[in-house]
Amino acid sequence: MLASIVSNGWAFPGESGFTSSEAGNVLFVTAEDDLNDTVAPRLVQAKANMAKVFSIDESAFEQLTFSSPAFEQHIKDCAPKLVIVDPIQAFLGGNLDGHKQMKCALL
């Protein structure tokens, strides 16, 4: 799991050429899986450094999007090396159609 690699400063596996570095913060943003019941146990099982894993509880915000001040403030507060957003469509906002935007990006 990427969160474990980054939060511990481990090297990425395989022939990628990435080497270990200083452990970094990870920001986990999810609108589907429960943070306590699903995400945290998976992170613990993957040996993530939980002191370096932060989360945004999406239900605490009226509508959290990538362009909202609340999202920007969380980035500033925890200074993550990695941000995991699941699912990305939940945070695009009402003005974007994720299917059309993703299709155009792939062409």
PDB file of N, CA and C in Angstrom:
ATOM      1  N   MET A   1       0.838  -1.170   0.000  1.00  0.00           N
ATOM      2  CA  MET A   1       0.000   0.000   0.000  1.00  0.00           C
ATOM      3  C   MET A   1       0.889   1.241   0.000  1.00  0.00           C
ATOM      4  N   LEU A   2       0.546   2.185  -0.838  1.00  0.00           N
ATOM      5  CA  LEU A   2       1.333   3.413  -0.970  1.00  0.00           C
ATOM      6  C   LEU A   2       1.430   4.191   0.339  1.00  0.00           C
ATOM      7  N   ALA A   3       0.349   4.214   1.103  1.00  0.00           N
ATOM      8  CA  ALA A   3       0.369   4.953   2.367  1.00  0.00           C
ATOM      9  C   ALA A   3       1.417   4.391   3.317  1.00  0.00           C
ATOM     10  N   SER A   4       1.605   3.097   3.331  1.00  0.00           N
ATOM     11  CA  SER A   4       2.624   2.478   4.187  1.00  0.00           C
ATOM     12  C   SER A   4       4.022   2.851   3.732  1.00  0.00           C
ATOM     13  N   ILE A   5       4.237   2.815   2.437  1.00  0.00           N
ATOM     14  CA  ILE A   5       5.553   3.149   1.883  1.00  0.00           C
ATOM     15  C   ILE A   5       5.928   4.588   2.227  1.00  0.00           C
ATOM     16  N   VAL A   6       5.016   5.510   1.966  1.00  0.00           N
ATOM     17  CA  VAL A   6       5.303   6.927   2.194  1.00  0.00           C
ATOM     18  C   VAL A   6       5.401   7.243   3.687  1.00  0.00           C
ATOM     19  N   SER A   7       4.477   6.729   4.497  1.00  0.00           N
ATOM     20  CA  SER A   7       4.460   7.066   5.921  1.00  0.00           C
ATOM     21  C   SER A   7       5.653   6.497   6.682  1.00  0.00           C
ATOM     22  N   ASN A   8       6.290   5.475   6.135  1.00  0.00           N
ATOM     23  CA  ASN A   8       7.476   4.888   6.765  1.00  0.00           C
ATOM     24  C   ASN A   8       8.781   5.296   6.090  1.00  0.00           C
ATOM     25  N   GLY A   9       8.689   5.889   4.908  1.00  0.00           N
ATOM     26  CA  GLY A   9       9.895   6.264   4.171  1.00  0.00           C
ATOM     27  C   GLY A   9      10.577   5.073   3.527  1.00  0.00           C
ATOM     28  N   TRP A  10       9.803   4.032   3.265  1.00  0.00           N
ATOM     29  CA  TRP A  10      10.360   2.829   2.647  1.00  0.00           C
ATOM     30  C   TRP A  10      10.592   3.046   1.157  1.00  0.00           C
ATOM     31  N   ALA A  11      11.438   2.200   0.578  1.00  0.00           N
ATOM     32  CA  ALA A  11      11.663   2.216  -0.867  1.00  0.00           C
ATOM     33  C   ALA A  11      10.467   1.574  -1.559  1.00  0.00           C
ATOM     34  N   PHE A  12      10.163   2.046  -2.749  1.00  0.00           N
ATOM     35  CA  PHE A  12       9.117   1.419  -3.548  1.00  0.00           C
ATOM     36  C   PHE A  12       9.637   0.085  -4.066  1.00  0.00           C
ATOM     37  N   PRO A  13       8.786  -0.928  -4.139  1.00  0.00           N
ATOM     38  CA  PRO A  13       9.243  -2.246  -4.581  1.00  0.00           C
ATOM     39  C   PRO A  13       9.504  -2.303  -6.081  1.00  0.00           C
ATOM     40  N   GLY A  14      10.245  -3.286  -6.471  1.00  0.00           N
ATOM     41  CA  GLY A  14      10.454  -3.543  -7.895  1.00  0.00           C
ATOM     42  C   GLY A  14      11.628  -2.789  -8.466  1.00  0.00           C
ATOM     43  N   GLU A  15      11.624  -2.695  -9.764  1.00  0.00           N
ATOM     44  CA  GLU A  15      12.724  -2.101 -10.524  1.00  0.00           C
ATOM     45  C   GLU A  15      12.465  -0.641 -10.850  1.00  0.00           C
ATOM     46  N   SER A  16      11.690   0.046 -10.023  1.00  0.00           N
ATOM     47  CA  SER A  16      11.244   1.393 -10.357  1.00  0.00           C
ATOM     48  C   SER A  16      12.331   2.457 -10.241  1.00  0.00           C
ATOM     49  N   GLY A  17      13.392   2.180  -9.518  1.00  0.00           N
ATOM     50  CA  GLY A  17      14.430   3.176  -9.340  1.00  0.00           C
ATOM     51  C   GLY A  17      14.176   4.105  -8.168  1.00  0.00           C
ATOM     52  N   PHE A  18      13.001   3.994  -7.530  1.00  0.00           N
ATOM     53  CA  PHE A  18      12.717   4.808  -6.352  1.00  0.00           C
ATOM     54  C   PHE A  18      13.457   4.219  -5.159  1.00  0.00           C
ATOM     55  N   THR A  19      14.032   5.073  -4.354  1.00  0.00           N
ATOM     56  CA  THR A  19      14.735   4.620  -3.166  1.00  0.00           C
ATOM     57  C   THR A  19      14.030   5.142  -1.927  1.00  0.00           C
ATOM     58  N   SER A  20      14.420   4.627  -0.785  1.00  0.00           N
ATOM     59  CA  SER A  20      13.797   5.080   0.451  1.00  0.00           C
ATOM     60  C   SER A  20      14.123   6.554   0.681  1.00  0.00           C
ATOM     61  N   SER A  21      13.247   7.201   1.412  1.00  0.00           N
ATOM     62  CA  SER A  21      13.435   8.616   1.709  1.00  0.00           C
ATOM     63  C   SER A  21      12.901   8.876   3.107  1.00  0.00           C
ATOM     64  N   GLU A  22      12.873  10.127   3.483  1.00  0.00           N
ATOM     65  CA  GLU A  22      12.317  10.487   4.780  1.00  0.00           C
ATOM     66  C   GLU A  22      10.819  10.184   4.798  1.00  0.00           C
ATOM     67  N   ALA A  23      10.338   9.641   5.903  1.00  0.00           N
ATOM     68  CA  ALA A  23       8.910   9.350   6.036  1.00  0.00           C
ATOM     69  C   ALA A  23       8.111  10.635   5.884  1.00  0.00           C
ATOM     70  N   GLY A  24       6.954  10.517   5.242  1.00  0.00           N
ATOM     71  CA  GLY A  24       6.125  11.693   5.007  1.00  0.00           C
ATOM     72  C   GLY A  24       4.691  11.475   5.447  1.00  0.00           C
ATOM     73  N   ASN A  25       3.993  12.564   5.598  1.00  0.00           N
ATOM     74  CA  ASN A  25       2.579  12.508   5.950  1.00  0.00           C
ATOM     75  C   ASN A  25       1.747  12.051   4.758  1.00  0.00           C
ATOM     76  N   VAL A  26       0.646  11.390   5.069  1.00  0.00           N
ATOM     77  CA  VAL A  26      -0.305  10.920   4.069  1.00  0.00           C
ATOM     78  C   VAL A  26      -1.676  11.467   4.462  1.00  0.00           C
ATOM     79  N   LEU A  27      -2.370  12.069   3.507  1.00  0.00           N
ATOM     80  CA  LEU A  27      -3.731  12.546   3.726  1.00  0.00           C
ATOM     81  C   LEU A  27      -4.675  11.623   2.983  1.00  0.00           C
ATOM     82  N   PHE A  28      -5.596  11.011   3.708  1.00  0.00           N
ATOM     83  CA  PHE A  28      -6.545  10.054   3.136  1.00  0.00           C
ATOM     84  C   PHE A  28      -7.928  10.690   3.161  1.00  0.00           C
ATOM     85  N   VAL A  29      -8.533  10.847   1.984  1.00  0.00           N
ATOM     86  CA  VAL A  29      -9.860  11.449   1.843  1.00  0.00           C
ATOM     87  C   VAL A  29     -10.769  10.423   1.200  1.00  0.00           C
ATOM     88  N   THR A  30     -11.820  10.029   1.917  1.00  0.00           N
ATOM     89  CA  THR A  30     -12.711   9.015   1.370  1.00  0.00           C
ATOM     90  C   THR A  30     -14.170   9.386   1.600  1.00  0.00           C
ATOM     91  N   ALA A  31     -14.973   9.104   0.601  1.00  0.00           N
ATOM     92  CA  ALA A  31     -16.415   9.326   0.705  1.00  0.00           C
ATOM     93  C   ALA A  31     -17.168   8.004   0.707  1.00  0.00           C
ATOM     94  N   GLU A  32     -16.454   6.899   0.541  1.00  0.00           N
ATOM     95  CA  GLU A  32     -17.122   5.593   0.470  1.00  0.00           C
ATOM     96  C   GLU A  32     -16.843   4.728   1.680  1.00  0.00           C
ATOM     97  N   ASP A  33     -15.587   4.440   1.943  1.00  0.00           N
ATOM     98  CA  ASP A  33     -15.233   3.533   3.027  1.00  0.00           C
ATOM     99  C   ASP A  33     -15.181   4.270   4.352  1.00  0.00           C
ATOM    100  N   ASP A  34     -15.654   3.616   5.406  1.00  0.00           N
ATOM    101  CA  ASP A  34     -15.597   4.181   6.740  1.00  0.00           C
ATOM    102  C   ASP A  34     -14.151   4.218   7.220  1.00  0.00           C
ATOM    103  N   LEU A  35     -13.733   5.360   7.723  1.00  0.00           N
ATOM    104  CA  LEU A  35     -12.346   5.520   8.140  1.00  0.00           C
ATOM    105  C   LEU A  35     -11.972   4.574   9.281  1.00  0.00           C
ATOM    106  N   ASN A  36     -12.832   4.447  10.278  1.00  0.00           N
ATOM    107  CA  ASN A  36     -12.510   3.618  11.435  1.00  0.00           C
ATOM    108  C   ASN A  36     -12.697   2.132  11.185  1.00  0.00           C
ATOM    109  N   ASP A  37     -13.756   1.762  10.503  1.00  0.00           N
ATOM    110  CA  ASP A  37     -14.073   0.348  10.311  1.00  0.00           C
ATOM    111  C   ASP A  37     -13.333  -0.303   9.149  1.00  0.00           C
ATOM    112  N   THR A  38     -12.993   0.459   8.135  1.00  0.00           N
ATOM    113  CA  THR A  38     -12.420  -0.120   6.921  1.00  0.00           C
ATOM    114  C   THR A  38     -11.007   0.368   6.634  1.00  0.00           C
ATOM    115  N   VAL A  39     -10.824   1.666   6.548  1.00  0.00           N
ATOM    116  CA  VAL A  39      -9.538   2.222   6.118  1.00  0.00           C
ATOM    117  C   VAL A  39      -8.444   1.992   7.160  1.00  0.00           C
ATOM    118  N   ALA A  40      -8.691   2.377   8.409  1.00  0.00           N
ATOM    119  CA  ALA A  40      -7.660   2.253   9.453  1.00  0.00           C
ATOM    120  C   ALA A  40      -7.180   0.812   9.633  1.00  0.00           C
ATOM    121  N   PRO A  41      -8.066  -0.187   9.717  1.00  0.00           N
ATOM    122  CA  PRO A  41      -7.564  -1.560   9.848  1.00  0.00           C
ATOM    123  C   PRO A  41      -6.695  -2.002   8.665  1.00  0.00           C
ATOM    124  N   ARG A  42      -7.023  -1.549   7.469  1.00  0.00           N
ATOM    125  CA  ARG A  42      -6.207  -1.886   6.301  1.00  0.00           C
ATOM    126  C   ARG A  42      -4.831  -1.234   6.399  1.00  0.00           C
ATOM    127  N   LEU A  43      -4.798   0.010   6.853  1.00  0.00           N
ATOM    128  CA  LEU A  43      -3.521   0.705   7.015  1.00  0.00           C
ATOM    129  C   LEU A  43      -2.662   0.035   8.081  1.00  0.00           C
ATOM    130  N   VAL A  44      -3.278  -0.354   9.181  1.00  0.00           N
ATOM    131  CA  VAL A  44      -2.547  -1.045  10.249  1.00  0.00           C
ATOM    132  C   VAL A  44      -2.001  -2.374   9.739  1.00  0.00           C
ATOM    133  N   GLN A  45      -2.816  -3.127   9.019  1.00  0.00           N
ATOM    134  CA  GLN A  45      -2.379  -4.410   8.468  1.00  0.00           C
ATOM    135  C   GLN A  45      -1.207  -4.218   7.494  1.00  0.00           C
ATOM    136  N   ALA A  46      -1.205  -3.117   6.769  1.00  0.00           N
ATOM    137  CA  ALA A  46      -0.126  -2.833   5.814  1.00  0.00           C
ATOM    138  C   ALA A  46       1.082  -2.185   6.501  1.00  0.00           C
ATOM    139  N   LYS A  47       1.015  -2.056   7.831  1.00  0.00           N
ATOM    140  CA  LYS A  47       2.109  -1.507   8.641  1.00  0.00           C
ATOM    141  C   LYS A  47       2.385  -0.027   8.373  1.00  0.00           C
ATOM    142  N   ALA A  48       1.335   0.723   8.073  1.00  0.00           N
ATOM    143  CA  ALA A  48       1.494   2.165   7.897  1.00  0.00           C
ATOM    144  C   ALA A  48       1.855   2.801   9.232  1.00  0.00           C
ATOM    145  N   ASN A  49       2.619   3.851   9.184  1.00  0.00           N
ATOM    146  CA  ASN A  49       2.947   4.634  10.378  1.00  0.00           C
ATOM    147  C   ASN A  49       1.741   5.530  10.641  1.00  0.00           C
ATOM    148  N   MET A  50       0.852   5.102  11.517  1.00  0.00           N
ATOM    149  CA  MET A  50      -0.423   5.790  11.716  1.00  0.00           C
ATOM    150  C   MET A  50      -0.254   7.204  12.285  1.00  0.00           C
ATOM    151  N   ALA A  51       0.899   7.495  12.876  1.00  0.00           N
ATOM    152  CA  ALA A  51       1.157   8.852  13.367  1.00  0.00           C
ATOM    153  C   ALA A  51       1.334   9.833  12.209  1.00  0.00           C
ATOM    154  N   LYS A  52       1.568   9.304  11.014  1.00  0.00           N
ATOM    155  CA  LYS A  52       1.779  10.142   9.839  1.00  0.00           C
ATOM    156  C   LYS A  52       0.606  10.085   8.863  1.00  0.00           C
ATOM    157  N   VAL A  53      -0.467   9.410   9.239  1.00  0.00           N
ATOM    158  CA  VAL A  53      -1.642   9.290   8.365  1.00  0.00           C
ATOM    159  C   VAL A  53      -2.748  10.178   8.920  1.00  0.00           C
ATOM    160  N   PHE A  54      -3.231  11.069   8.076  1.00  0.00           N
ATOM    161  CA  PHE A  54      -4.298  11.993   8.443  1.00  0.00           C
ATOM    162  C   PHE A  54      -5.495  11.739   7.532  1.00  0.00           C
ATOM    163  N   SER A  55      -6.656  12.169   7.971  1.00  0.00           N
ATOM    164  CA  SER A  55      -7.836  11.963   7.141  1.00  0.00           C
ATOM    165  C   SER A  55      -8.755  13.169   7.247  1.00  0.00           C
ATOM    166  N   ILE A  56      -9.591  13.292   6.242  1.00  0.00           N
ATOM    167  CA  ILE A  56     -10.672  14.273   6.256  1.00  0.00           C
ATOM    168  C   ILE A  56     -11.960  13.477   6.289  1.00  0.00           C
ATOM    169  N   ASP A  57     -12.757  13.718   7.291  1.00  0.00           N
ATOM    170  CA  ASP A  57     -14.058  13.079   7.368  1.00  0.00           C
ATOM    171  C   ASP A  57     -15.007  13.885   6.498  1.00  0.00           C
ATOM    172  N   GLU A  58     -15.308  13.379   5.326  1.00  0.00           N
ATOM    173  CA  GLU A  58     -16.098  14.114   4.325  1.00  0.00           C
ATOM    174  C   GLU A  58     -17.453  14.527   4.869  1.00  0.00           C
ATOM    175  N   SER A  59     -18.012  13.773   5.806  1.00  0.00           N
ATOM    176  CA  SER A  59     -19.330  14.115   6.335  1.00  0.00           C
ATOM    177  C   SER A  59     -19.293  15.374   7.195  1.00  0.00           C
ATOM    178  N   ALA A  60     -18.106  15.831   7.590  1.00  0.00           N
ATOM    179  CA  ALA A  60     -17.988  17.039   8.408  1.00  0.00           C
ATOM    180  C   ALA A  60     -18.133  18.315   7.588  1.00  0.00           C
ATOM    181  N   PHE A  61     -18.129  18.194   6.269  1.00  0.00           N
ATOM    182  CA  PHE A  61     -18.217  19.362   5.402  1.00  0.00           C
ATOM    183  C   PHE A  61     -19.488  19.290   4.571  1.00  0.00           C
ATOM    184  N   GLU A  62     -20.050  20.468   4.309  1.00  0.00           N
ATOM    185  CA  GLU A  62     -21.269  20.517   3.502  1.00  0.00           C
ATOM    186  C   GLU A  62     -21.012  19.912   2.129  1.00  0.00           C
ATOM    187  N   GLN A  63     -20.015  20.407   1.439  1.00  0.00           N
ATOM    188  CA  GLN A  63     -19.605  19.807   0.174  1.00  0.00           C
ATOM    189  C   GLN A  63     -18.118  20.079  -0.011  1.00  0.00           C
ATOM    190  N   LEU A  64     -17.333  19.062   0.227  1.00  0.00           N
ATOM    191  CA  LEU A  64     -15.887  19.177   0.090  1.00  0.00           C
ATOM    192  C   LEU A  64     -15.508  18.873  -1.351  1.00  0.00           C
ATOM    193  N   THR A  65     -14.814  19.815  -1.980  1.00  0.00           N
ATOM    194  CA  THR A  65     -14.314  19.616  -3.341  1.00  0.00           C
ATOM    195  C   THR A  65     -12.843  20.010  -3.371  1.00  0.00           C
ATOM    196  N   PHE A  66     -12.167  19.684  -4.473  1.00  0.00           N
ATOM    197  CA  PHE A  66     -10.759  20.028  -4.602  1.00  0.00           C
ATOM    198  C   PHE A  66     -10.532  21.534  -4.565  1.00  0.00           C
ATOM    199  N   SER A  67     -11.524  22.309  -4.948  1.00  0.00           N
ATOM    200  CA  SER A  67     -11.361  23.760  -4.981  1.00  0.00           C
ATOM    201  C   SER A  67     -11.876  24.450  -3.719  1.00  0.00           C
ATOM    202  N   SER A  68     -12.371  23.699  -2.747  1.00  0.00           N
ATOM    203  CA  SER A  68     -12.906  24.319  -1.538  1.00  0.00           C
ATOM    204  C   SER A  68     -11.783  24.761  -0.599  1.00  0.00           C
ATOM    205  N   PRO A  69     -11.979  25.851   0.106  1.00  0.00           N
ATOM    206  CA  PRO A  69     -10.976  26.321   1.069  1.00  0.00           C
ATOM    207  C   PRO A  69     -10.671  25.279   2.143  1.00  0.00           C
ATOM    208  N   ALA A  70     -11.656  24.485   2.532  1.00  0.00           N
ATOM    209  CA  ALA A  70     -11.437  23.459   3.559  1.00  0.00           C
ATOM    210  C   ALA A  70     -10.434  22.411   3.091  1.00  0.00           C
ATOM    211  N   PHE A  71     -10.527  21.997   1.829  1.00  0.00           N
ATOM    212  CA  PHE A  71      -9.577  21.019   1.290  1.00  0.00           C
ATOM    213  C   PHE A  71      -8.167  21.617   1.265  1.00  0.00           C
ATOM    214  N   GLU A  72      -8.067  22.848   0.799  1.00  0.00           N
ATOM    215  CA  GLU A  72      -6.769  23.529   0.751  1.00  0.00           C
ATOM    216  C   GLU A  72      -6.170  23.661   2.151  1.00  0.00           C
ATOM    217  N   GLN A  73      -7.011  23.965   3.131  1.00  0.00           N
ATOM    218  CA  GLN A  73      -6.514  24.121   4.499  1.00  0.00           C
ATOM    219  C   GLN A  73      -5.982  22.805   5.048  1.00  0.00           C
ATOM    220  N   HIS A  74      -6.636  21.696   4.746  1.00  0.00           N
ATOM    221  CA  HIS A  74      -6.146  20.383   5.188  1.00  0.00           C
ATOM    222  C   HIS A  74      -4.784  20.069   4.568  1.00  0.00           C
ATOM    223  N   ILE A  75      -4.610  20.433   3.321  1.00  0.00           N
ATOM    224  CA  ILE A  75      -3.308  20.234   2.661  1.00  0.00           C
ATOM    225  C   ILE A  75      -2.244  21.052   3.383  1.00  0.00           C
ATOM    226  N   LYS A  76      -2.549  22.288   3.691  1.00  0.00           N
ATOM    227  CA  LYS A  76      -1.590  23.144   4.391  1.00  0.00           C
ATOM    228  C   LYS A  76      -1.298  22.620   5.795  1.00  0.00           C
ATOM    229  N   ASP A  77      -2.332  22.152   6.486  1.00  0.00           N
ATOM    230  CA  ASP A  77      -2.172  21.717   7.876  1.00  0.00           C
ATOM    231  C   ASP A  77      -1.307  20.474   8.023  1.00  0.00           C
ATOM    232  N   CYS A  78      -1.490  19.491   7.152  1.00  0.00           N
ATOM    233  CA  CYS A  78      -0.735  18.244   7.350  1.00  0.00           C
ATOM    234  C   CYS A  78       0.443  18.094   6.397  1.00  0.00           C
ATOM    235  N   ALA A  79       0.585  18.967   5.424  1.00  0.00           N
ATOM    236  CA  ALA A  79       1.729  18.949   4.492  1.00  0.00           C
ATOM    237  C   ALA A  79       2.063  17.533   4.017  1.00  0.00           C
ATOM    238  N   PRO A  80       1.118  16.889   3.340  1.00  0.00           N
ATOM    239  CA  PRO A  80       1.349  15.500   2.944  1.00  0.00           C
ATOM    240  C   PRO A  80       2.304  15.352   1.764  1.00  0.00           C
ATOM    241  N   LYS A  81       3.013  14.229   1.754  1.00  0.00           N
ATOM    242  CA  LYS A  81       3.781  13.831   0.576  1.00  0.00           C
ATOM    243  C   LYS A  81       2.878  13.063  -0.377  1.00  0.00           C
ATOM    244  N   LEU A  82       1.790  12.521   0.163  1.00  0.00           N
ATOM    245  CA  LEU A  82       0.845  11.726  -0.631  1.00  0.00           C
ATOM    246  C   LEU A  82      -0.566  12.066  -0.195  1.00  0.00           C
ATOM    247  N   VAL A  83      -1.451  12.292  -1.185  1.00  0.00           N
ATOM    248  CA  VAL A  83      -2.875  12.482  -0.928  1.00  0.00           C
ATOM    249  C   VAL A  83      -3.611  11.373  -1.667  1.00  0.00           C
ATOM    250  N   ILE A  84      -4.424  10.623  -0.930  1.00  0.00           N
ATOM    251  CA  ILE A  84      -5.221   9.551  -1.516  1.00  0.00           C
ATOM    252  C   ILE A  84      -6.675   9.989  -1.455  1.00  0.00           C
ATOM    253  N   VAL A  85      -7.340  10.032  -2.618  1.00  0.00           N
ATOM    254  CA  VAL A  85      -8.732  10.456  -2.710  1.00  0.00           C
ATOM    255  C   VAL A  85      -9.538   9.302  -3.291  1.00  0.00           C
ATOM    256  N   ASP A  86     -10.569   8.869  -2.540  1.00  0.00           N
ATOM    257  CA  ASP A  86     -11.346   7.709  -2.964  1.00  0.00           C
ATOM    258  C   ASP A  86     -12.819   7.903  -2.651  1.00  0.00           C
ATOM    259  N   PRO A  87     -13.664   7.906  -3.645  1.00  0.00           N
ATOM    260  CA  PRO A  87     -13.408   7.971  -5.077  1.00  0.00           C
ATOM    261  C   PRO A  87     -13.237   9.423  -5.509  1.00  0.00           C
ATOM    262  N   ILE A  88     -12.477   9.623  -6.514  1.00  0.00           N
ATOM    263  CA  ILE A  88     -12.169  10.974  -6.966  1.00  0.00           C
ATOM    264  C   ILE A  88     -13.427  11.717  -7.435  1.00  0.00           C
ATOM    265  N   GLN A  89     -14.398  10.991  -7.972  1.00  0.00           N
ATOM    266  CA  GLN A  89     -15.620  11.618  -8.483  1.00  0.00           C
ATOM    267  C   GLN A  89     -16.399  12.329  -7.382  1.00  0.00           C
ATOM    268  N   ALA A  90     -16.285  11.868  -6.148  1.00  0.00           N
ATOM    269  CA  ALA A  90     -17.050  12.451  -5.044  1.00  0.00           C
ATOM    270  C   ALA A  90     -16.592  13.865  -4.707  1.00  0.00           C
ATOM    271  N   PHE A  91     -15.409  14.246  -5.162  1.00  0.00           N
ATOM    272  CA  PHE A  91     -14.844  15.532  -4.778  1.00  0.00           C
ATOM    273  C   PHE A  91     -14.614  16.474  -5.961  1.00  0.00           C
ATOM    274  N   LEU A  92     -15.183  16.154  -7.111  1.00  0.00           N
ATOM    275  CA  LEU A  92     -15.023  17.006  -8.284  1.00  0.00           C
ATOM    276  C   LEU A  92     -15.914  18.234  -8.242  1.00  0.00           C
ATOM    277  N   GLY A  93     -17.004  18.160  -7.519  1.00  0.00           N
ATOM    278  CA  GLY A  93     -17.942  19.276  -7.469  1.00  0.00           C
ATOM    279  C   GLY A  93     -19.009  19.137  -8.534  1.00  0.00           C
ATOM    280  N   GLY A  94     -20.040  19.949  -8.431  1.00  0.00           N
ATOM    281  CA  GLY A  94     -21.182  19.840  -9.319  1.00  0.00           C
ATOM    282  C   GLY A  94     -20.963  20.335 -10.730  1.00  0.00           C
ATOM    283  N   ASN A  95     -19.921  21.113 -10.973  1.00  0.00           N
ATOM    284  CA  ASN A  95     -19.706  21.697 -12.294  1.00  0.00           C
ATOM    285  C   ASN A  95     -18.901  20.811 -13.233  1.00  0.00           C
ATOM    286  N   LEU A  96     -18.400  19.704 -12.733  1.00  0.00           N
ATOM    287  CA  LEU A  96     -17.579  18.825 -13.562  1.00  0.00           C
ATOM    288  C   LEU A  96     -18.241  17.471 -13.736  1.00  0.00           C
ATOM    289  N   ASP A  97     -18.153  16.954 -14.920  1.00  0.00           N
ATOM    290  CA  ASP A  97     -18.604  15.596 -15.205  1.00  0.00           C
ATOM    291  C   ASP A  97     -17.346  14.732 -15.272  1.00  0.00           C
ATOM    292  N   GLY A  98     -17.108  13.946 -14.229  1.00  0.00           N
ATOM    293  CA  GLY A  98     -15.893  13.144 -14.145  1.00  0.00           C
ATOM    294  C   GLY A  98     -15.694  12.216 -15.318  1.00  0.00           C
ATOM    295  N   HIS A  99     -16.782  11.662 -15.839  1.00  0.00           N
ATOM    296  CA  HIS A  99     -16.669  10.758 -16.975  1.00  0.00           C
ATOM    297  C   HIS A  99     -16.143  11.497 -18.204  1.00  0.00           C
ATOM    298  N   LYS A 100     -16.717  12.657 -18.504  1.00  0.00           N
ATOM    299  CA  LYS A 100     -16.274  13.419 -19.674  1.00  0.00           C
ATOM    300  C   LYS A 100     -14.868  13.956 -19.476  1.00  0.00           C
ATOM    301  N   GLN A 101     -14.578  14.463 -18.284  1.00  0.00           N
ATOM    302  CA  GLN A 101     -13.246  15.005 -18.016  1.00  0.00           C
ATOM    303  C   GLN A 101     -12.176  13.914 -18.120  1.00  0.00           C
ATOM    304  N   MET A 102     -12.449  12.736 -17.574  1.00  0.00           N
ATOM    305  CA  MET A 102     -11.493  11.636 -17.604  1.00  0.00           C
ATOM    306  C   MET A 102     -11.322  11.135 -19.031  1.00  0.00           C
ATOM    307  N   LYS A 103     -12.404  11.079 -19.784  1.00  0.00           N
ATOM    308  CA  LYS A 103     -12.331  10.620 -21.170  1.00  0.00           C
ATOM    309  C   LYS A 103     -11.453  11.561 -21.986  1.00  0.00           C
ATOM    310  N   CYS A 104     -11.636  12.860 -21.801  1.00  0.00           N
ATOM    311  CA  CYS A 104     -10.844  13.823 -22.543  1.00  0.00           C
ATOM    312  C   CYS A 104      -9.364  13.744 -22.156  1.00  0.00           C
ATOM    313  N   ALA A 105      -9.102  13.498 -20.886  1.00  0.00           N
ATOM    314  CA  ALA A 105      -7.715  13.436 -20.415  1.00  0.00           C
ATOM    315  C   ALA A 105      -6.999  12.223 -20.988  1.00  0.00           C
ATOM    316  N   LEU A 106      -7.737  11.172 -21.303  1.00  0.00           N
ATOM    317  CA  LEU A 106      -7.132   9.936 -21.796  1.00  0.00           C
ATOM    318  C   LEU A 106      -6.862   9.979 -23.297  1.00  0.00           C
ATOM    319  N   LEU A 107      -7.489  10.865 -24.016  1.00  0.00           N
ATOM    320  CA  LEU A 107      -7.334  10.902 -25.478  1.00  0.00           C
ATOM    321  C   LEU A 107      -6.034  11.476 -25.913  1.00  0.00           C
TER     322      LEU A 107
END
